[in-house]
Amino acid sequence: MNRNQKKILTAVVIIIAISFIVWIIFGGEIFTKTQVLVEKKDELFPDMITKEWRNKFIWGLDLTGMVSFLSVIIGGFFYFRLRDKKHK
């Protein structure tokens, strides 16, 4: 394994680790969400609760898997592309 291949492997591992860290920070949801259902209480009538959708992005495990899969595919391509041409 030459120096370029080591750099590629390191970059792929770092990208995968960062995507899992971001997933954990966003709450570890299974699916990516773009809206969240929020309950609001009315000030005049405390028993009355309304629900409304708020635009909020939540990183999911499906997005983490996609980023990991693409980084492995691209990293594998460059790993074999930059290998030594000499056969020992």
PDB file of N, CA and C in Angstrom:
ATOM      1  N   MET A   1       0.855  -1.169   0.000  1.00  0.00           N
ATOM      2  CA  MET A   1       0.000   0.000   0.000  1.00  0.00           C
ATOM      3  C   MET A   1       0.906   1.239   0.000  1.00  0.00           C
ATOM      4  N   ASN A   2       0.716   2.099  -0.984  1.00  0.00           N
ATOM      5  CA  ASN A   2       1.544   3.297  -1.066  1.00  0.00           C
ATOM      6  C   ASN A   2       0.920   4.455  -0.280  1.00  0.00           C
ATOM      7  N   ARG A   3       1.597   5.587  -0.306  1.00  0.00           N
ATOM      8  CA  ARG A   3       1.182   6.743   0.498  1.00  0.00           C
ATOM      9  C   ARG A   3      -0.175   7.293   0.069  1.00  0.00           C
ATOM     10  N   ASN A   4      -0.429   7.324  -1.235  1.00  0.00           N
ATOM     11  CA  ASN A   4      -1.713   7.842  -1.726  1.00  0.00           C
ATOM     12  C   ASN A   4      -2.879   6.960  -1.289  1.00  0.00           C
ATOM     13  N   GLN A   5      -2.681   5.659  -1.292  1.00  0.00           N
ATOM     14  CA  GLN A   5      -3.731   4.751  -0.850  1.00  0.00           C
ATOM     15  C   GLN A   5      -4.012   4.915   0.638  1.00  0.00           C
ATOM     16  N   LYS A   6      -2.985   5.163   1.424  1.00  0.00           N
ATOM     17  CA  LYS A   6      -3.180   5.399   2.861  1.00  0.00           C
ATOM     18  C   LYS A   6      -3.973   6.683   3.094  1.00  0.00           C
ATOM     19  N   LYS A   7      -3.679   7.712   2.300  1.00  0.00           N
ATOM     20  CA  LYS A   7      -4.421   8.966   2.423  1.00  0.00           C
ATOM     21  C   LYS A   7      -5.897   8.770   2.068  1.00  0.00           C
ATOM     22  N   ILE A   8      -6.145   7.984   1.030  1.00  0.00           N
ATOM     23  CA  ILE A   8      -7.524   7.730   0.615  1.00  0.00           C
ATOM     24  C   ILE A   8      -8.277   6.965   1.694  1.00  0.00           C
ATOM     25  N   LEU A   9      -7.662   5.919   2.240  1.00  0.00           N
ATOM     26  CA  LEU A   9      -8.303   5.149   3.311  1.00  0.00           C
ATOM     27  C   LEU A   9      -8.573   6.012   4.536  1.00  0.00           C
ATOM     28  N   THR A  10      -7.621   6.859   4.884  1.00  0.00           N
ATOM     29  CA  THR A  10      -7.802   7.760   6.020  1.00  0.00           C
ATOM     30  C   THR A  10      -8.952   8.729   5.773  1.00  0.00           C
ATOM     31  N   ALA A  11      -9.021   9.280   4.569  1.00  0.00           N
ATOM     32  CA  ALA A  11     -10.096  10.223   4.242  1.00  0.00           C
ATOM     33  C   ALA A  11     -11.468   9.542   4.290  1.00  0.00           C
ATOM     34  N   VAL A  12     -11.563   8.324   3.774  1.00  0.00           N
ATOM     35  CA  VAL A  12     -12.842   7.602   3.780  1.00  0.00           C
ATOM     36  C   VAL A  12     -13.279   7.307   5.212  1.00  0.00           C
ATOM     37  N   VAL A  13     -12.349   6.855   6.045  1.00  0.00           N
ATOM     38  CA  VAL A  13     -12.687   6.562   7.445  1.00  0.00           C
ATOM     39  C   VAL A  13     -13.113   7.826   8.176  1.00  0.00           C
ATOM     40  N   ILE A  14     -12.452   8.945   7.919  1.00  0.00           N
ATOM     41  CA  ILE A  14     -12.800  10.210   8.570  1.00  0.00           C
ATOM     42  C   ILE A  14     -14.186  10.680   8.117  1.00  0.00           C
ATOM     43  N   ILE A  15     -14.500  10.563   6.830  1.00  0.00           N
ATOM     44  CA  ILE A  15     -15.809  10.975   6.330  1.00  0.00           C
ATOM     45  C   ILE A  15     -16.915  10.137   6.959  1.00  0.00           C
ATOM     46  N   ILE A  16     -16.697   8.826   7.048  1.00  0.00           N
ATOM     47  CA  ILE A  16     -17.696   7.951   7.656  1.00  0.00           C
ATOM     48  C   ILE A  16     -17.873   8.275   9.139  1.00  0.00           C
ATOM     49  N   ALA A  17     -16.759   8.507   9.843  1.00  0.00           N
ATOM     50  CA  ALA A  17     -16.841   8.835  11.270  1.00  0.00           C
ATOM     51  C   ALA A  17     -17.576  10.159  11.486  1.00  0.00           C
ATOM     52  N   ILE A  18     -17.298  11.148  10.655  1.00  0.00           N
ATOM     53  CA  ILE A  18     -17.967  12.448  10.789  1.00  0.00           C
ATOM     54  C   ILE A  18     -19.461  12.315  10.526  1.00  0.00           C
ATOM     55  N   SER A  19     -19.842  11.514   9.529  1.00  0.00           N
ATOM     56  CA  SER A  19     -21.269  11.360   9.245  1.00  0.00           C
ATOM     57  C   SER A  19     -21.993  10.670  10.403  1.00  0.00           C
ATOM     58  N   PHE A  20     -21.353   9.693  11.059  1.00  0.00           N
ATOM     59  CA  PHE A  20     -21.977   9.063  12.219  1.00  0.00           C
ATOM     60  C   PHE A  20     -22.039  10.010  13.416  1.00  0.00           C
ATOM     61  N   ILE A  21     -21.018  10.844  13.583  1.00  0.00           N
ATOM     62  CA  ILE A  21     -21.035  11.826  14.678  1.00  0.00           C
ATOM     63  C   ILE A  21     -22.160  12.831  14.461  1.00  0.00           C
ATOM     64  N   VAL A  22     -22.320  13.303  13.227  1.00  0.00           N
ATOM     65  CA  VAL A  22     -23.399  14.249  12.923  1.00  0.00           C
ATOM     66  C   VAL A  22     -24.749  13.588  13.169  1.00  0.00           C
ATOM     67  N   TRP A  23     -24.888  12.307  12.798  1.00  0.00           N
ATOM     68  CA  TRP A  23     -26.132  11.581  13.031  1.00  0.00           C
ATOM     69  C   TRP A  23     -26.449  11.491  14.519  1.00  0.00           C
ATOM     70  N   ILE A  24     -25.445  11.217  15.328  1.00  0.00           N
ATOM     71  CA  ILE A  24     -25.650  11.136  16.779  1.00  0.00           C
ATOM     72  C   ILE A  24     -26.008  12.505  17.350  1.00  0.00           C
ATOM     73  N   ILE A  25     -25.363  13.562  16.874  1.00  0.00           N
ATOM     74  CA  ILE A  25     -25.653  14.915  17.361  1.00  0.00           C
ATOM     75  C   ILE A  25     -27.088  15.316  17.035  1.00  0.00           C
ATOM     76  N   PHE A  26     -27.587  14.915  15.861  1.00  0.00           N
ATOM     77  CA  PHE A  26     -28.953  15.263  15.470  1.00  0.00           C
ATOM     78  C   PHE A  26     -30.000  14.401  16.150  1.00  0.00           C
ATOM     79  N   GLY A  27     -29.599  13.462  16.988  1.00  0.00           N
ATOM     80  CA  GLY A  27     -30.566  12.724  17.786  1.00  0.00           C
ATOM     81  C   GLY A  27     -30.688  11.250  17.465  1.00  0.00           C
ATOM     82  N   GLY A  28     -29.946  10.748  16.516  1.00  0.00           N
ATOM     83  CA  GLY A  28     -29.970   9.326  16.220  1.00  0.00           C
ATOM     84  C   GLY A  28     -31.272   8.834  15.613  1.00  0.00           C
ATOM     85  N   GLU A  29     -31.919   9.651  14.806  1.00  0.00           N
ATOM     86  CA  GLU A  29     -33.165   9.244  14.153  1.00  0.00           C
ATOM     87  C   GLU A  29     -32.874   8.240  13.038  1.00  0.00           C
ATOM     88  N   ILE A  30     -33.823   7.356  12.779  1.00  0.00           N
ATOM     89  CA  ILE A  30     -33.656   6.361  11.727  1.00  0.00           C
ATOM     90  C   ILE A  30     -33.823   7.002  10.347  1.00  0.00           C
ATOM     91  N   PHE A  31     -34.867   7.805  10.175  1.00  0.00           N
ATOM     92  CA  PHE A  31     -35.146   8.417   8.884  1.00  0.00           C
ATOM     93  C   PHE A  31     -34.878   9.920   8.934  1.00  0.00           C
ATOM     94  N   THR A  32     -34.441  10.463   7.812  1.00  0.00           N
ATOM     95  CA  THR A  32     -34.207  11.896   7.688  1.00  0.00           C
ATOM     96  C   THR A  32     -35.558  12.607   7.639  1.00  0.00           C
ATOM     97  N   LYS A  33     -35.652  13.701   8.387  1.00  0.00           N
ATOM     98  CA  LYS A  33     -36.905  14.469   8.431  1.00  0.00           C
ATOM     99  C   LYS A  33     -36.632  15.911   8.024  1.00  0.00           C
ATOM    100  N   THR A  34     -37.624  16.506   7.359  1.00  0.00           N
ATOM    101  CA  THR A  34     -37.521  17.920   7.004  1.00  0.00           C
ATOM    102  C   THR A  34     -38.519  18.765   7.775  1.00  0.00           C
ATOM    103  N   GLN A  35     -39.510  18.114   8.401  1.00  0.00           N
ATOM    104  CA  GLN A  35     -40.502  18.824   9.208  1.00  0.00           C
ATOM    105  C   GLN A  35     -40.752  18.049  10.492  1.00  0.00           C
ATOM    106  N   VAL A  36     -41.092  18.806  11.549  1.00  0.00           N
ATOM    107  CA  VAL A  36     -41.357  18.220  12.861  1.00  0.00           C
ATOM    108  C   VAL A  36     -42.720  18.711  13.336  1.00  0.00           C
ATOM    109  N   LEU A  37     -43.516  17.816  13.917  1.00  0.00           N
ATOM    110  CA  LEU A  37     -44.826  18.165  14.463  1.00  0.00           C
ATOM    111  C   LEU A  37     -44.655  18.733  15.872  1.00  0.00           C
ATOM    112  N   VAL A  38     -45.141  19.965  16.079  1.00  0.00           N
ATOM    113  CA  VAL A  38     -44.993  20.656  17.361  1.00  0.00           C
ATOM    114  C   VAL A  38     -46.382  20.946  17.928  1.00  0.00           C
ATOM    115  N   GLU A  39     -46.556  20.670  19.226  1.00  0.00           N
ATOM    116  CA  GLU A  39     -47.820  20.979  19.897  1.00  0.00           C
ATOM    117  C   GLU A  39     -47.724  22.359  20.536  1.00  0.00           C
ATOM    118  N   LYS A  40     -48.768  23.169  20.322  1.00  0.00           N
ATOM    119  CA  LYS A  40     -48.827  24.514  20.888  1.00  0.00           C
ATOM    120  C   LYS A  40     -50.064  24.627  21.762  1.00  0.00           C
ATOM    121  N   LYS A  41     -49.891  25.174  22.962  1.00  0.00           N
ATOM    122  CA  LYS A  41     -51.038  25.412  23.846  1.00  0.00           C
ATOM    123  C   LYS A  41     -51.533  26.834  23.645  1.00  0.00           C
ATOM    124  N   ASP A  42     -52.828  26.980  23.686  1.00  0.00           N
ATOM    125  CA  ASP A  42     -53.452  28.289  23.554  1.00  0.00           C
ATOM    126  C   ASP A  42     -53.375  29.001  24.905  1.00  0.00           C
ATOM    127  N   GLU A  43     -53.060  30.304  24.887  1.00  0.00           N
ATOM    128  CA  GLU A  43     -52.934  31.056  26.135  1.00  0.00           C
ATOM    129  C   GLU A  43     -54.292  31.308  26.796  1.00  0.00           C
ATOM    130  N   LEU A  44     -55.319  31.532  25.996  1.00  0.00           N
ATOM    131  CA  LEU A  44     -56.634  31.815  26.565  1.00  0.00           C
ATOM    132  C   LEU A  44     -57.334  30.546  27.047  1.00  0.00           C
ATOM    133  N   PHE A  45     -57.211  29.485  26.271  1.00  0.00           N
ATOM    134  CA  PHE A  45     -57.847  28.211  26.624  1.00  0.00           C
ATOM    135  C   PHE A  45     -56.754  27.153  26.811  1.00  0.00           C
ATOM    136  N   PRO A  46     -56.345  26.907  28.054  1.00  0.00           N
ATOM    137  CA  PRO A  46     -55.207  26.002  28.276  1.00  0.00           C
ATOM    138  C   PRO A  46     -55.469  24.555  27.859  1.00  0.00           C
ATOM    139  N   ASP A  47     -56.721  24.147  27.770  1.00  0.00           N
ATOM    140  CA  ASP A  47     -57.020  22.777  27.361  1.00  0.00           C
ATOM    141  C   ASP A  47     -56.934  22.589  25.846  1.00  0.00           C
ATOM    142  N   MET A  48     -56.932  23.689  25.115  1.00  0.00           N
ATOM    143  CA  MET A  48     -56.910  23.613  23.653  1.00  0.00           C
ATOM    144  C   MET A  48     -55.464  23.514  23.163  1.00  0.00           C
ATOM    145  N   ILE A  49     -55.170  22.437  22.482  1.00  0.00           N
ATOM    146  CA  ILE A  49     -53.817  22.218  21.956  1.00  0.00           C
ATOM    147  C   ILE A  49     -53.908  22.115  20.443  1.00  0.00           C
ATOM    148  N   THR A  50     -53.077  22.889  19.772  1.00  0.00           N
ATOM    149  CA  THR A  50     -53.011  22.813  18.311  1.00  0.00           C
ATOM    150  C   THR A  50     -51.669  22.216  17.916  1.00  0.00           C
ATOM    151  N   LYS A  51     -51.691  21.496  16.828  1.00  0.00           N
ATOM    152  CA  LYS A  51     -50.470  20.889  16.311  1.00  0.00           C
ATOM    153  C   LYS A  51     -50.144  21.526  14.979  1.00  0.00           C
ATOM    154  N   GLU A  52     -48.891  21.877  14.807  1.00  0.00           N
ATOM    155  CA  GLU A  52     -48.473  22.446  13.529  1.00  0.00           C
ATOM    156  C   GLU A  52     -47.097  21.908  13.164  1.00  0.00           C
ATOM    157  N   TRP A  53     -46.859  21.889  11.863  1.00  0.00           N
ATOM    158  CA  TRP A  53     -45.596  21.385  11.347  1.00  0.00           C
ATOM    159  C   TRP A  53     -44.591  22.529  11.236  1.00  0.00           C
ATOM    160  N   ARG A  54     -43.392  22.310  11.739  1.00  0.00           N
ATOM    161  CA  ARG A  54     -42.304  23.292  11.644  1.00  0.00           C
ATOM    162  C   ARG A  54     -41.229  22.741  10.722  1.00  0.00           C
ATOM    163  N   ASN A  55     -40.665  23.619   9.898  1.00  0.00           N
ATOM    164  CA  ASN A  55     -39.561  23.216   9.033  1.00  0.00           C
ATOM    165  C   ASN A  55     -38.293  23.099   9.868  1.00  0.00           C
ATOM    166  N   LYS A  56     -37.792  21.885   9.985  1.00  0.00           N
ATOM    167  CA  LYS A  56     -36.564  21.625  10.732  1.00  0.00           C
ATOM    168  C   LYS A  56     -35.927  20.378  10.135  1.00  0.00           C
ATOM    169  N   PHE A  57     -34.649  20.466   9.801  1.00  0.00           N
ATOM    170  CA  PHE A  57     -33.951  19.331   9.206  1.00  0.00           C
ATOM    171  C   PHE A  57     -33.343  18.472  10.302  1.00  0.00           C
ATOM    172  N   ILE A  58     -33.615  17.167  10.247  1.00  0.00           N
ATOM    173  CA  ILE A  58     -33.040  16.224  11.192  1.00  0.00           C
ATOM    174  C   ILE A  58     -32.329  15.142  10.385  1.00  0.00           C
ATOM    175  N   TRP A  59     -31.020  15.023  10.610  1.00  0.00           N
ATOM    176  CA  TRP A  59     -30.173  14.067   9.903  1.00  0.00           C
ATOM    177  C   TRP A  59     -30.545  12.657  10.349  1.00  0.00           C
ATOM    178  N   GLY A  60     -30.776  11.761   9.401  1.00  0.00           N
ATOM    179  CA  GLY A  60     -31.188  10.404   9.724  1.00  0.00           C
ATOM    180  C   GLY A  60     -30.133   9.374   9.367  1.00  0.00           C
ATOM    181  N   LEU A  61     -30.379   8.150   9.802  1.00  0.00           N
ATOM    182  CA  LEU A  61     -29.456   7.053   9.537  1.00  0.00           C
ATOM    183  C   LEU A  61     -29.425   6.710   8.052  1.00  0.00           C
ATOM    184  N   ASP A  62     -30.522   6.936   7.341  1.00  0.00           N
ATOM    185  CA  ASP A  62     -30.532   6.670   5.906  1.00  0.00           C
ATOM    186  C   ASP A  62     -29.572   7.593   5.162  1.00  0.00           C
ATOM    187  N   LEU A  63     -29.506   8.845   5.560  1.00  0.00           N
ATOM    188  CA  LEU A  63     -28.574   9.788   4.950  1.00  0.00           C
ATOM    189  C   LEU A  63     -27.133   9.438   5.321  1.00  0.00           C
ATOM    190  N   THR A  64     -26.917   8.996   6.564  1.00  0.00           N
ATOM    191  CA  THR A  64     -25.586   8.566   6.991  1.00  0.00           C
ATOM    192  C   THR A  64     -25.137   7.352   6.181  1.00  0.00           C
ATOM    193  N   GLY A  65     -26.040   6.415   5.958  1.00  0.00           N
ATOM    194  CA  GLY A  65     -25.709   5.247   5.150  1.00  0.00           C
ATOM    195  C   GLY A  65     -25.369   5.597   3.719  1.00  0.00           C
ATOM    196  N   MET A  66     -26.108   6.555   3.159  1.00  0.00           N
ATOM    197  CA  MET A  66     -25.837   6.971   1.791  1.00  0.00           C
ATOM    198  C   MET A  66     -24.463   7.642   1.677  1.00  0.00           C
ATOM    199  N   VAL A  67     -24.134   8.512   2.627  1.00  0.00           N
ATOM    200  CA  VAL A  67     -22.830   9.179   2.617  1.00  0.00           C
ATOM    201  C   VAL A  67     -21.716   8.144   2.786  1.00  0.00           C
ATOM    202  N   SER A  68     -21.907   7.184   3.677  1.00  0.00           N
ATOM    203  CA  SER A  68     -20.899   6.144   3.898  1.00  0.00           C
ATOM    204  C   SER A  68     -20.724   5.278   2.650  1.00  0.00           C
ATOM    205  N   PHE A  69     -21.832   4.881   2.037  1.00  0.00           N
ATOM    206  CA  PHE A  69     -21.768   4.044   0.836  1.00  0.00           C
ATOM    207  C   PHE A  69     -21.049   4.759  -0.304  1.00  0.00           C
ATOM    208  N   LEU A  70     -21.402   6.024  -0.540  1.00  0.00           N
ATOM    209  CA  LEU A  70     -20.756   6.769  -1.618  1.00  0.00           C
ATOM    210  C   LEU A  70     -19.275   6.993  -1.352  1.00  0.00           C
ATOM    211  N   SER A  71     -18.911   7.259  -0.101  1.00  0.00           N
ATOM    212  CA  SER A  71     -17.493   7.466   0.198  1.00  0.00           C
ATOM    213  C   SER A  71     -16.705   6.171   0.037  1.00  0.00           C
ATOM    214  N   VAL A  72     -17.298   5.021   0.371  1.00  0.00           N
ATOM    215  CA  VAL A  72     -16.612   3.742   0.167  1.00  0.00           C
ATOM    216  C   VAL A  72     -16.456   3.449  -1.320  1.00  0.00           C
ATOM    217  N   ILE A  73     -17.483   3.712  -2.115  1.00  0.00           N
ATOM    218  CA  ILE A  73     -17.405   3.463  -3.562  1.00  0.00           C
ATOM    219  C   ILE A  73     -16.358   4.369  -4.202  1.00  0.00           C
ATOM    220  N   ILE A  74     -16.400   5.651  -3.912  1.00  0.00           N
ATOM    221  CA  ILE A  74     -15.436   6.592  -4.501  1.00  0.00           C
ATOM    222  C   ILE A  74     -14.028   6.308  -3.985  1.00  0.00           C
ATOM    223  N   GLY A  75     -13.901   6.023  -2.685  1.00  0.00           N
ATOM    224  CA  GLY A  75     -12.597   5.689  -2.121  1.00  0.00           C
ATOM    225  C   GLY A  75     -12.036   4.412  -2.710  1.00  0.00           C
ATOM    226  N   GLY A  76     -12.886   3.403  -2.921  1.00  0.00           N
ATOM    227  CA  GLY A  76     -12.431   2.157  -3.542  1.00  0.00           C
ATOM    228  C   GLY A  76     -11.958   2.364  -4.966  1.00  0.00           C
ATOM    229  N   PHE A  77     -12.666   3.217  -5.704  1.00  0.00           N
ATOM    230  CA  PHE A  77     -12.246   3.524  -7.068  1.00  0.00           C
ATOM    231  C   PHE A  77     -10.852   4.146  -7.083  1.00  0.00           C
ATOM    232  N   PHE A  78     -10.647   5.164  -6.251  1.00  0.00           N
ATOM    233  CA  PHE A  78      -9.341   5.818  -6.221  1.00  0.00           C
ATOM    234  C   PHE A  78      -8.260   4.935  -5.601  1.00  0.00           C
ATOM    235  N   TYR A  79      -8.639   4.060  -4.676  1.00  0.00           N
ATOM    236  CA  TYR A  79      -7.685   3.137  -4.071  1.00  0.00           C
ATOM    237  C   TYR A  79      -7.081   2.225  -5.144  1.00  0.00           C
ATOM    238  N   PHE A  80      -7.924   1.660  -6.008  1.00  0.00           N
ATOM    239  CA  PHE A  80      -7.411   0.791  -7.061  1.00  0.00           C
ATOM    240  C   PHE A  80      -6.817   1.578  -8.226  1.00  0.00           C
ATOM    241  N   ARG A  81      -7.251   2.795  -8.425  1.00  0.00           N
ATOM    242  CA  ARG A  81      -6.717   3.625  -9.512  1.00  0.00           C
ATOM    243  C   ARG A  81      -5.298   4.085  -9.198  1.00  0.00           C
ATOM    244  N   LEU A  82      -4.989   4.328  -7.943  1.00  0.00           N
ATOM    245  CA  LEU A  82      -3.679   4.863  -7.559  1.00  0.00           C
ATOM    246  C   LEU A  82      -2.738   3.794  -7.023  1.00  0.00           C
ATOM    247  N   ARG A  83      -3.011   2.526  -7.290  1.00  0.00           N
ATOM    248  CA  ARG A  83      -2.116   1.473  -6.815  1.00  0.00           C
ATOM    249  C   ARG A  83      -0.843   1.452  -7.641  1.00  0.00           C
ATOM    250  N   ASP A  84       0.168   0.800  -7.105  1.00  0.00           N
ATOM    251  CA  ASP A  84       1.448   0.675  -7.820  1.00  0.00           C
ATOM    252  C   ASP A  84       1.266  -0.227  -9.044  1.00  0.00           C
ATOM    253  N   LYS A  85       1.892   0.150 -10.125  1.00  0.00           N
ATOM    254  CA  LYS A  85       1.757  -0.631 -11.360  1.00  0.00           C
ATOM    255  C   LYS A  85       2.746  -1.796 -11.406  1.00  0.00           C
ATOM    256  N   LYS A  86       3.691  -1.824 -10.480  1.00  0.00           N
ATOM    257  CA  LYS A  86       4.695  -2.903 -10.468  1.00  0.00           C
ATOM    258  C   LYS A  86       4.103  -4.158  -9.846  1.00  0.00           C
ATOM    259  N   HIS A  87       4.371  -5.289 -10.461  1.00  0.00           N
ATOM    260  CA  HIS A  87       3.948  -6.570  -9.894  1.00  0.00           C
ATOM    261  C   HIS A  87       5.148  -7.201  -9.219  1.00  0.00           C
ATOM    262  N   LYS A  88       5.009  -7.558  -7.978  1.00  0.00           N
ATOM    263  CA  LYS A  88       6.143  -8.124  -7.250  1.00  0.00           C
ATOM    264  C   LYS A  88       6.092  -9.619  -7.274  1.00  0.00           C
TER     265      LYS A  88
END
